[in-house]
Structures are given as structure tokens and as C-alpha cells.
Amino acid sequence: MKLRVSAVQYHLHTIGSFEQFAAQVTSYVRTAEEFESDFVLFPELFTTQLMSIGRGGGAAKRSRSGSCRNIRGSIRSCSRAWHAKRACT
């Protein structure tokens, strides 16, 4: 059995919100999906980018749950596609 692994060369830069982080991660997951990857490998410390978010009144905290749902949705969609592909072979 062959597996395709996408190794992400993650671009760390200053971000202003969790939504920017979620959009970047989602973009990498979708790119891996386009290449029909079975696994996506992120760098060990890719979440350190979250430390660049300022402490402005808790707005970032309140909006994280929606972004997390978007990331989880992208991962679930990739997972379903992977399982469907495996069932056909």
C-alpha cells in the first residue's frame, strides 16, 4: 500500500487574529487535499505563531470557536475523501 504525505513548509509571520491562523492552516490542508494526500505533516511548533496575537479585549477568544469549526470541517472533508478513495480501490 502506498501513502502520500504532504509535508508543510509553514510560513511563520505575525498575525492579528486566530482567523488568520485558521485561514493559513486551512489553505495548507486544502492544498494537500488537491494533491490527494493521505496525511498532512505540520512542523512541531507551527502554533507558536499564535503568540503574536495581541491581547485586545478578548475578541480573539470569542471568535476562535467558529474558526476551529472551519479547520475541523476541512479535516473531516479530507478524511471522508480519503476513506471514499480507499473504499473504491
PDB file of N, CA and C in Angstrom:
ATOM      1  N   MET A   1       0.832  -1.170   0.000  1.00  0.00           N
ATOM      2  CA  MET A   1       0.000   0.000   0.000  1.00  0.00           C
ATOM      3  C   MET A   1       0.885   1.243   0.000  1.00  0.00           C
ATOM      4  N   LYS A   2       0.590   2.157  -0.890  1.00  0.00           N
ATOM      5  CA  LYS A   2       1.331   3.417  -0.961  1.00  0.00           C
ATOM      6  C   LYS A   2       0.525   4.510  -0.281  1.00  0.00           C
ATOM      7  N   LEU A   3       1.244   5.380   0.400  1.00  0.00           N
ATOM      8  CA  LEU A   3       0.624   6.538   1.049  1.00  0.00           C
ATOM      9  C   LEU A   3       1.290   7.802   0.544  1.00  0.00           C
ATOM     10  N   ARG A   4       0.517   8.841   0.421  1.00  0.00           N
ATOM     11  CA  ARG A   4       1.069  10.134   0.027  1.00  0.00           C
ATOM     12  C   ARG A   4       1.012  11.057   1.243  1.00  0.00           C
ATOM     13  N   VAL A   5       2.171  11.628   1.585  1.00  0.00           N
ATOM     14  CA  VAL A   5       2.279  12.524   2.723  1.00  0.00           C
ATOM     15  C   VAL A   5       2.663  13.912   2.226  1.00  0.00           C
ATOM     16  N   SER A   6       1.933  14.920   2.685  1.00  0.00           N
ATOM     17  CA  SER A   6       2.284  16.304   2.369  1.00  0.00           C
ATOM     18  C   SER A   6       2.980  16.893   3.590  1.00  0.00           C
ATOM     19  N   ALA A   7       4.224  17.300   3.425  1.00  0.00           N
ATOM     20  CA  ALA A   7       4.973  17.956   4.493  1.00  0.00           C
ATOM     21  C   ALA A   7       4.889  19.459   4.263  1.00  0.00           C
ATOM     22  N   VAL A   8       4.350  20.171   5.218  1.00  0.00           N
ATOM     23  CA  VAL A   8       4.113  21.601   5.082  1.00  0.00           C
ATOM     24  C   VAL A   8       5.361  22.387   5.477  1.00  0.00           C
ATOM     25  N   GLN A   9       5.776  23.279   4.610  1.00  0.00           N
ATOM     26  CA  GLN A   9       6.826  24.236   4.958  1.00  0.00           C
ATOM     27  C   GLN A   9       6.081  25.489   5.399  1.00  0.00           C
ATOM     28  N   TYR A  10       5.809  25.531   6.678  1.00  0.00           N
ATOM     29  CA  TYR A  10       4.914  26.542   7.248  1.00  0.00           C
ATOM     30  C   TYR A  10       5.592  27.898   7.314  1.00  0.00           C
ATOM     31  N   HIS A  11       4.899  28.922   6.830  1.00  0.00           N
ATOM     32  CA  HIS A  11       5.428  30.282   6.849  1.00  0.00           C
ATOM     33  C   HIS A  11       4.987  30.979   8.132  1.00  0.00           C
ATOM     34  N   LEU A  12       5.917  31.163   9.082  1.00  0.00           N
ATOM     35  CA  LEU A  12       5.607  31.869  10.325  1.00  0.00           C
ATOM     36  C   LEU A  12       5.729  33.368  10.103  1.00  0.00           C
ATOM     37  N   HIS A  13       4.684  34.082  10.440  1.00  0.00           N
ATOM     38  CA  HIS A  13       4.707  35.533  10.380  1.00  0.00           C
ATOM     39  C   HIS A  13       3.736  36.069  11.430  1.00  0.00           C
ATOM     40  N   THR A  14       3.823  37.334  11.710  1.00  0.00           N
ATOM     41  CA  THR A  14       2.942  37.952  12.693  1.00  0.00           C
ATOM     42  C   THR A  14       1.517  37.958  12.168  1.00  0.00           C
ATOM     43  N   ILE A  15       0.587  37.564  13.041  1.00  0.00           N
ATOM     44  CA  ILE A  15      -0.827  37.561  12.664  1.00  0.00           C
ATOM     45  C   ILE A  15      -1.602  38.411  13.674  1.00  0.00           C
ATOM     46  N   GLY A  16      -2.759  38.875  13.277  1.00  0.00           N
ATOM     47  CA  GLY A  16      -3.556  39.730  14.142  1.00  0.00           C
ATOM     48  C   GLY A  16      -4.741  39.040  14.780  1.00  0.00           C
ATOM     49  N   SER A  17      -5.082  37.837  14.283  1.00  0.00           N
ATOM     50  CA  SER A  17      -6.254  37.153  14.831  1.00  0.00           C
ATOM     51  C   SER A  17      -6.133  35.642  14.618  1.00  0.00           C
ATOM     52  N   PHE A  18      -6.946  34.931  15.382  1.00  0.00           N
ATOM     53  CA  PHE A  18      -6.979  33.477  15.223  1.00  0.00           C
ATOM     54  C   PHE A  18      -7.512  33.110  13.843  1.00  0.00           C
ATOM     55  N   GLU A  19      -8.398  33.932  13.295  1.00  0.00           N
ATOM     56  CA  GLU A  19      -8.951  33.662  11.970  1.00  0.00           C
ATOM     57  C   GLU A  19      -7.868  33.632  10.899  1.00  0.00           C
ATOM     58  N   GLN A  20      -6.863  34.497  11.024  1.00  0.00           N
ATOM     59  CA  GLN A  20      -5.751  34.486  10.065  1.00  0.00           C
ATOM     60  C   GLN A  20      -4.979  33.171  10.173  1.00  0.00           C
ATOM     61  N   PHE A  21      -4.760  32.710  11.389  1.00  0.00           N
ATOM     62  CA  PHE A  21      -4.077  31.428  11.606  1.00  0.00           C
ATOM     63  C   PHE A  21      -4.907  30.299  10.995  1.00  0.00           C
ATOM     64  N   ALA A  22      -6.205  30.301  11.292  1.00  0.00           N
ATOM     65  CA  ALA A  22      -7.092  29.249  10.782  1.00  0.00           C
ATOM     66  C   ALA A  22      -7.130  29.243   9.260  1.00  0.00           C
ATOM     67  N   ALA A  23      -7.140  30.418   8.652  1.00  0.00           N
ATOM     68  CA  ALA A  23      -7.161  30.506   7.185  1.00  0.00           C
ATOM     69  C   ALA A  23      -5.886  29.926   6.587  1.00  0.00           C
ATOM     70  N   GLN A  24      -4.751  30.204   7.232  1.00  0.00           N
ATOM     71  CA  GLN A  24      -3.480  29.691   6.721  1.00  0.00           C
ATOM     72  C   GLN A  24      -3.432  28.166   6.834  1.00  0.00           C
ATOM     73  N   VAL A  25      -3.843  27.631   7.980  1.00  0.00           N
ATOM     74  CA  VAL A  25      -3.845  26.177   8.176  1.00  0.00           C
ATOM     75  C   VAL A  25      -4.814  25.518   7.202  1.00  0.00           C
ATOM     76  N   THR A  26      -5.997  26.100   7.060  1.00  0.00           N
ATOM     77  CA  THR A  26      -6.996  25.553   6.137  1.00  0.00           C
ATOM     78  C   THR A  26      -6.474  25.538   4.709  1.00  0.00           C
ATOM     79  N   SER A  27      -5.749  26.562   4.326  1.00  0.00           N
ATOM     80  CA  SER A  27      -5.169  26.624   2.983  1.00  0.00           C
ATOM     81  C   SER A  27      -4.201  25.471   2.753  1.00  0.00           C
ATOM     82  N   TYR A  28      -3.358  25.196   3.744  1.00  0.00           N
ATOM     83  CA  TYR A  28      -2.413  24.079   3.603  1.00  0.00           C
ATOM     84  C   TYR A  28      -3.139  22.736   3.518  1.00  0.00           C
ATOM     85  N   VAL A  29      -4.190  22.579   4.325  1.00  0.00           N
ATOM     86  CA  VAL A  29      -4.959  21.317   4.307  1.00  0.00           C
ATOM     87  C   VAL A  29      -5.646  21.143   2.953  1.00  0.00           C
ATOM     88  N   ARG A  30      -6.217  22.200   2.432  1.00  0.00           N
ATOM     89  CA  ARG A  30      -6.889  22.113   1.121  1.00  0.00           C
ATOM     90  C   ARG A  30      -5.907  21.825  -0.005  1.00  0.00           C
ATOM     91  N   THR A  31      -4.724  22.414   0.070  1.00  0.00           N
ATOM     92  CA  THR A  31      -3.697  22.135  -0.942  1.00  0.00           C
ATOM     93  C   THR A  31      -3.306  20.665  -0.906  1.00  0.00           C
ATOM     94  N   ALA A  32      -3.144  20.138   0.301  1.00  0.00           N
ATOM     95  CA  ALA A  32      -2.810  18.713   0.440  1.00  0.00           C
ATOM     96  C   ALA A  32      -3.938  17.847  -0.128  1.00  0.00           C
ATOM     97  N   GLU A  33      -5.171  18.276   0.088  1.00  0.00           N
ATOM     98  CA  GLU A  33      -6.318  17.536  -0.445  1.00  0.00           C
ATOM     99  C   GLU A  33      -6.296  17.525  -1.975  1.00  0.00           C
ATOM    100  N   GLU A  34      -5.921  18.648  -2.585  1.00  0.00           N
ATOM    101  CA  GLU A  34      -5.846  18.715  -4.045  1.00  0.00           C
ATOM    102  C   GLU A  34      -4.822  17.724  -4.601  1.00  0.00           C
ATOM    103  N   PHE A  35      -3.779  17.463  -3.827  1.00  0.00           N
ATOM    104  CA  PHE A  35      -2.752  16.511  -4.251  1.00  0.00           C
ATOM    105  C   PHE A  35      -3.064  15.086  -3.789  1.00  0.00           C
ATOM    106  N   GLU A  36      -4.289  14.895  -3.284  1.00  0.00           N
ATOM    107  CA  GLU A  36      -4.762  13.585  -2.830  1.00  0.00           C
ATOM    108  C   GLU A  36      -3.839  12.970  -1.779  1.00  0.00           C
ATOM    109  N   SER A  37      -3.400  13.805  -0.846  1.00  0.00           N
ATOM    110  CA  SER A  37      -2.530  13.334   0.230  1.00  0.00           C
ATOM    111  C   SER A  37      -3.320  12.515   1.238  1.00  0.00           C
ATOM    112  N   ASP A  38      -2.666  11.515   1.790  1.00  0.00           N
ATOM    113  CA  ASP A  38      -3.269  10.699   2.831  1.00  0.00           C
ATOM    114  C   ASP A  38      -3.032  11.304   4.210  1.00  0.00           C
ATOM    115  N   PHE A  39      -1.916  12.006   4.364  1.00  0.00           N
ATOM    116  CA  PHE A  39      -1.561  12.654   5.622  1.00  0.00           C
ATOM    117  C   PHE A  39      -0.977  14.035   5.345  1.00  0.00           C
ATOM    118  N   VAL A  40      -1.200  14.952   6.297  1.00  0.00           N
ATOM    119  CA  VAL A  40      -0.593  16.283   6.228  1.00  0.00           C
ATOM    120  C   VAL A  40       0.293  16.420   7.457  1.00  0.00           C
ATOM    121  N   LEU A  41       1.559  16.706   7.228  1.00  0.00           N
ATOM    122  CA  LEU A  41       2.533  16.813   8.312  1.00  0.00           C
ATOM    123  C   LEU A  41       2.893  18.283   8.519  1.00  0.00           C
ATOM    124  N   PHE A  42       2.531  18.806   9.699  1.00  0.00           N
ATOM    125  CA  PHE A  42       2.859  20.186  10.049  1.00  0.00           C
ATOM    126  C   PHE A  42       4.097  20.195  10.938  1.00  0.00           C
ATOM    127  N   PRO A  43       4.851  21.305  10.928  1.00  0.00           N
ATOM    128  CA  PRO A  43       6.019  21.400  11.806  1.00  0.00           C
ATOM    129  C   PRO A  43       5.582  21.328  13.271  1.00  0.00           C
ATOM    130  N   GLU A  44       6.461  20.858  14.099  1.00  0.00           N
ATOM    131  CA  GLU A  44       6.156  20.653  15.514  1.00  0.00           C
ATOM    132  C   GLU A  44       5.686  21.931  16.210  1.00  0.00           C
ATOM    133  N   LEU A  45       6.291  23.050  15.892  1.00  0.00           N
ATOM    134  CA  LEU A  45       5.990  24.287  16.609  1.00  0.00           C
ATOM    135  C   LEU A  45       5.206  25.302  15.765  1.00  0.00           C
ATOM    136  N   PHE A  46       4.378  24.838  14.847  1.00  0.00           N
ATOM    137  CA  PHE A  46       3.691  25.785  13.965  1.00  0.00           C
ATOM    138  C   PHE A  46       2.689  26.657  14.721  1.00  0.00           C
ATOM    139  N   THR A  47       2.241  26.222  15.888  1.00  0.00           N
ATOM    140  CA  THR A  47       1.287  27.027  16.654  1.00  0.00           C
ATOM    141  C   THR A  47       1.943  28.197  17.387  1.00  0.00           C
ATOM    142  N   THR A  48       3.273  28.293  17.370  1.00  0.00           N
ATOM    143  CA  THR A  48       3.926  29.430  18.027  1.00  0.00           C
ATOM    144  C   THR A  48       3.495  30.750  17.392  1.00  0.00           C
ATOM    145  N   GLN A  49       3.013  30.695  16.186  1.00  0.00           N
ATOM    146  CA  GLN A  49       2.517  31.887  15.503  1.00  0.00           C
ATOM    147  C   GLN A  49       1.367  32.532  16.295  1.00  0.00           C
ATOM    148  N   LEU A  50       0.636  31.740  17.042  1.00  0.00           N
ATOM    149  CA  LEU A  50      -0.490  32.256  17.823  1.00  0.00           C
ATOM    150  C   LEU A  50      -0.035  33.233  18.905  1.00  0.00           C
ATOM    151  N   MET A  51       1.225  33.146  19.314  1.00  0.00           N
ATOM    152  CA  MET A  51       1.729  34.056  20.347  1.00  0.00           C
ATOM    153  C   MET A  51       1.838  35.494  19.839  1.00  0.00           C
ATOM    154  N   SER A  52       1.745  35.711  18.549  1.00  0.00           N
ATOM    155  CA  SER A  52       1.851  37.074  18.015  1.00  0.00           C
ATOM    156  C   SER A  52       0.519  37.824  18.065  1.00  0.00           C
ATOM    157  N   ILE A  53      -0.555  37.137  18.452  1.00  0.00           N
ATOM    158  CA  ILE A  53      -1.863  37.795  18.549  1.00  0.00           C
ATOM    159  C   ILE A  53      -1.876  38.669  19.799  1.00  0.00           C
ATOM    160  N   GLY A  54      -2.304  39.918  19.634  1.00  0.00           N
ATOM    161  CA  GLY A  54      -2.357  40.858  20.753  1.00  0.00           C
ATOM    162  C   GLY A  54      -3.431  40.496  21.762  1.00  0.00           C
ATOM    163  N   ARG A  55      -3.407  41.186  22.876  1.00  0.00           N
ATOM    164  CA  ARG A  55      -4.398  40.946  23.937  1.00  0.00           C
ATOM    165  C   ARG A  55      -5.450  42.058  23.932  1.00  0.00           C
ATOM    166  N   GLY A  56      -6.260  42.101  22.918  1.00  0.00           N
ATOM    167  CA  GLY A  56      -7.261  43.155  22.806  1.00  0.00           C
ATOM    168  C   GLY A  56      -8.637  42.731  23.256  1.00  0.00           C
ATOM    169  N   GLY A  57      -8.990  42.920  24.468  1.00  0.00           N
ATOM    170  CA  GLY A  57     -10.346  42.766  24.983  1.00  0.00           C
ATOM    171  C   GLY A  57     -11.013  41.412  24.828  1.00  0.00           C
ATOM    172  N   GLY A  58     -10.322  40.382  24.469  1.00  0.00           N
ATOM    173  CA  GLY A  58     -10.908  39.051  24.392  1.00  0.00           C
ATOM    174  C   GLY A  58     -11.660  38.756  23.109  1.00  0.00           C
ATOM    175  N   ALA A  59     -11.634  39.648  22.140  1.00  0.00           N
ATOM    176  CA  ALA A  59     -12.368  39.418  20.888  1.00  0.00           C
ATOM    177  C   ALA A  59     -11.847  38.187  20.163  1.00  0.00           C
ATOM    178  N   ALA A  60     -10.539  37.973  20.229  1.00  0.00           N
ATOM    179  CA  ALA A  60      -9.963  36.800  19.558  1.00  0.00           C
ATOM    180  C   ALA A  60     -10.486  35.520  20.192  1.00  0.00           C
ATOM    181  N   LYS A  61     -10.634  35.503  21.511  1.00  0.00           N
ATOM    182  CA  LYS A  61     -11.136  34.314  22.196  1.00  0.00           C
ATOM    183  C   LYS A  61     -12.542  33.972  21.742  1.00  0.00           C
ATOM    184  N   ARG A  62     -13.405  34.973  21.650  1.00  0.00           N
ATOM    185  CA  ARG A  62     -14.798  34.729  21.278  1.00  0.00           C
ATOM    186  C   ARG A  62     -14.937  34.195  19.867  1.00  0.00           C
ATOM    187  N   SER A  63     -14.082  34.601  18.963  1.00  0.00           N
ATOM    188  CA  SER A  63     -14.243  34.206  17.566  1.00  0.00           C
ATOM    189  C   SER A  63     -13.511  32.915  17.208  1.00  0.00           C
ATOM    190  N   ARG A  64     -12.742  32.350  18.122  1.00  0.00           N
ATOM    191  CA  ARG A  64     -11.969  31.140  17.811  1.00  0.00           C
ATOM    192  C   ARG A  64     -12.837  29.941  17.500  1.00  0.00           C
ATOM    193  N   SER A  65     -13.957  29.777  18.193  1.00  0.00           N
ATOM    194  CA  SER A  65     -14.749  28.567  18.021  1.00  0.00           C
ATOM    195  C   SER A  65     -15.221  28.386  16.581  1.00  0.00           C
ATOM    196  N   GLY A  66     -15.626  29.460  15.907  1.00  0.00           N
ATOM    197  CA  GLY A  66     -16.039  29.351  14.507  1.00  0.00           C
ATOM    198  C   GLY A  66     -14.895  28.944  13.608  1.00  0.00           C
ATOM    199  N   SER A  67     -13.716  29.503  13.837  1.00  0.00           N
ATOM    200  CA  SER A  67     -12.549  29.160  13.028  1.00  0.00           C
ATOM    201  C   SER A  67     -12.120  27.723  13.263  1.00  0.00           C
ATOM    202  N   CYS A  68     -12.200  27.289  14.514  1.00  0.00           N
ATOM    203  CA  CYS A  68     -11.867  25.889  14.818  1.00  0.00           C
ATOM    204  C   CYS A  68     -12.814  24.954  14.090  1.00  0.00           C
ATOM    205  N   ARG A  69     -14.090  25.329  14.053  1.00  0.00           N
ATOM    206  CA  ARG A  69     -15.055  24.501  13.321  1.00  0.00           C
ATOM    207  C   ARG A  69     -14.696  24.428  11.849  1.00  0.00           C
ATOM    208  N   ASN A  70     -14.232  25.540  11.268  1.00  0.00           N
ATOM    209  CA  ASN A  70     -13.841  25.539   9.857  1.00  0.00           C
ATOM    210  C   ASN A  70     -12.663  24.611   9.608  1.00  0.00           C
ATOM    211  N   ILE A  71     -11.656  24.656  10.490  1.00  0.00           N
ATOM    212  CA  ILE A  71     -10.493  23.770  10.347  1.00  0.00           C
ATOM    213  C   ILE A  71     -10.932  22.322  10.491  1.00  0.00           C
ATOM    214  N   ARG A  72     -11.735  22.037  11.527  1.00  0.00           N
ATOM    215  CA  ARG A  72     -12.207  20.659  11.727  1.00  0.00           C
ATOM    216  C   ARG A  72     -13.020  20.196  10.530  1.00  0.00           C
ATOM    217  N   GLY A  73     -13.836  21.096   9.962  1.00  0.00           N
ATOM    218  CA  GLY A  73     -14.628  20.744   8.778  1.00  0.00           C
ATOM    219  C   GLY A  73     -13.746  20.391   7.597  1.00  0.00           C
ATOM    220  N   SER A  74     -12.674  21.152   7.390  1.00  0.00           N
ATOM    221  CA  SER A  74     -11.749  20.864   6.294  1.00  0.00           C
ATOM    222  C   SER A  74     -11.076  19.515   6.497  1.00  0.00           C
ATOM    223  N   ILE A  75     -10.674  19.250   7.740  1.00  0.00           N
ATOM    224  CA  ILE A  75     -10.012  17.974   8.038  1.00  0.00           C
ATOM    225  C   ILE A  75     -10.990  16.829   7.856  1.00  0.00           C
ATOM    226  N   ARG A  76     -12.238  16.996   8.315  1.00  0.00           N
ATOM    227  CA  ARG A  76     -13.249  15.937   8.131  1.00  0.00           C
ATOM    228  C   ARG A  76     -13.500  15.678   6.648  1.00  0.00           C
ATOM    229  N   SER A  77     -13.580  16.744   5.870  1.00  0.00           N
ATOM    230  CA  SER A  77     -13.827  16.575   4.441  1.00  0.00           C
ATOM    231  C   SER A  77     -12.687  15.817   3.772  1.00  0.00           C
ATOM    232  N   CYS A  78     -11.442  16.122   4.156  1.00  0.00           N
ATOM    233  CA  CYS A  78     -10.291  15.395   3.615  1.00  0.00           C
ATOM    234  C   CYS A  78     -10.351  13.928   4.040  1.00  0.00           C
ATOM    235  N   SER A  79     -10.723  13.711   5.297  1.00  0.00           N
ATOM    236  CA  SER A  79     -10.805  12.348   5.813  1.00  0.00           C
ATOM    237  C   SER A  79     -11.860  11.536   5.063  1.00  0.00           C
ATOM    238  N   ARG A  80     -13.030  12.146   4.843  1.00  0.00           N
ATOM    239  CA  ARG A  80     -14.089  11.436   4.096  1.00  0.00           C
ATOM    240  C   ARG A  80     -13.629  11.102   2.680  1.00  0.00           C
ATOM    241  N   ALA A  81     -12.968  12.059   2.042  1.00  0.00           N
ATOM    242  CA  ALA A  81     -12.481  11.827   0.677  1.00  0.00           C
ATOM    243  C   ALA A  81     -11.460  10.697   0.669  1.00  0.00           C
ATOM    244  N   TRP A  82     -10.586  10.672   1.677  1.00  0.00           N
ATOM    245  CA  TRP A  82      -9.564   9.627   1.766  1.00  0.00           C
ATOM    246  C   TRP A  82     -10.217   8.268   1.947  1.00  0.00           C
ATOM    247  N   HIS A  83     -11.200   8.163   2.857  1.00  0.00           N
ATOM    248  CA  HIS A  83     -11.872   6.886   3.093  1.00  0.00           C
ATOM    249  C   HIS A  83     -12.664   6.434   1.870  1.00  0.00           C
ATOM    250  N   ALA A  84     -13.302   7.371   1.189  1.00  0.00           N
ATOM    251  CA  ALA A  84     -14.047   7.015  -0.028  1.00  0.00           C
ATOM    252  C   ALA A  84     -13.104   6.503  -1.103  1.00  0.00           C
ATOM    253  N   LYS A  85     -11.948   7.157  -1.220  1.00  0.00           N
ATOM    254  CA  LYS A  85     -10.956   6.740  -2.216  1.00  0.00           C
ATOM    255  C   LYS A  85     -10.458   5.333  -1.912  1.00  0.00           C
ATOM    256  N   ARG A  86     -10.210   5.054  -0.628  1.00  0.00           N
ATOM    257  CA  ARG A  86      -9.711   3.737  -0.212  1.00  0.00           C
ATOM    258  C   ARG A  86     -10.769   2.652  -0.430  1.00  0.00           C
ATOM    259  N   ALA A  87     -12.040   2.992  -0.253  1.00  0.00           N
ATOM    260  CA  ALA A  87     -13.113   2.011  -0.419  1.00  0.00           C
ATOM    261  C   ALA A  87     -13.263   1.614  -1.876  1.00  0.00           C
ATOM    262  N   CYS A  88     -12.902   2.498  -2.780  1.00  0.00           N
ATOM    263  CA  CYS A  88     -13.034   2.234  -4.216  1.00  0.00           C
ATOM    264  C   CYS A  88     -11.872   1.417  -4.766  1.00  0.00           C
ATOM    265  N   THR A  89     -10.782   1.341  -4.039  1.00  0.00           N
ATOM    266  CA  THR A  89      -9.604   0.626  -4.564  1.00  0.00           C
ATOM    267  C   THR A  89      -9.506  -0.775  -4.039  1.00  0.00           C
TER     268      THR A  89
END
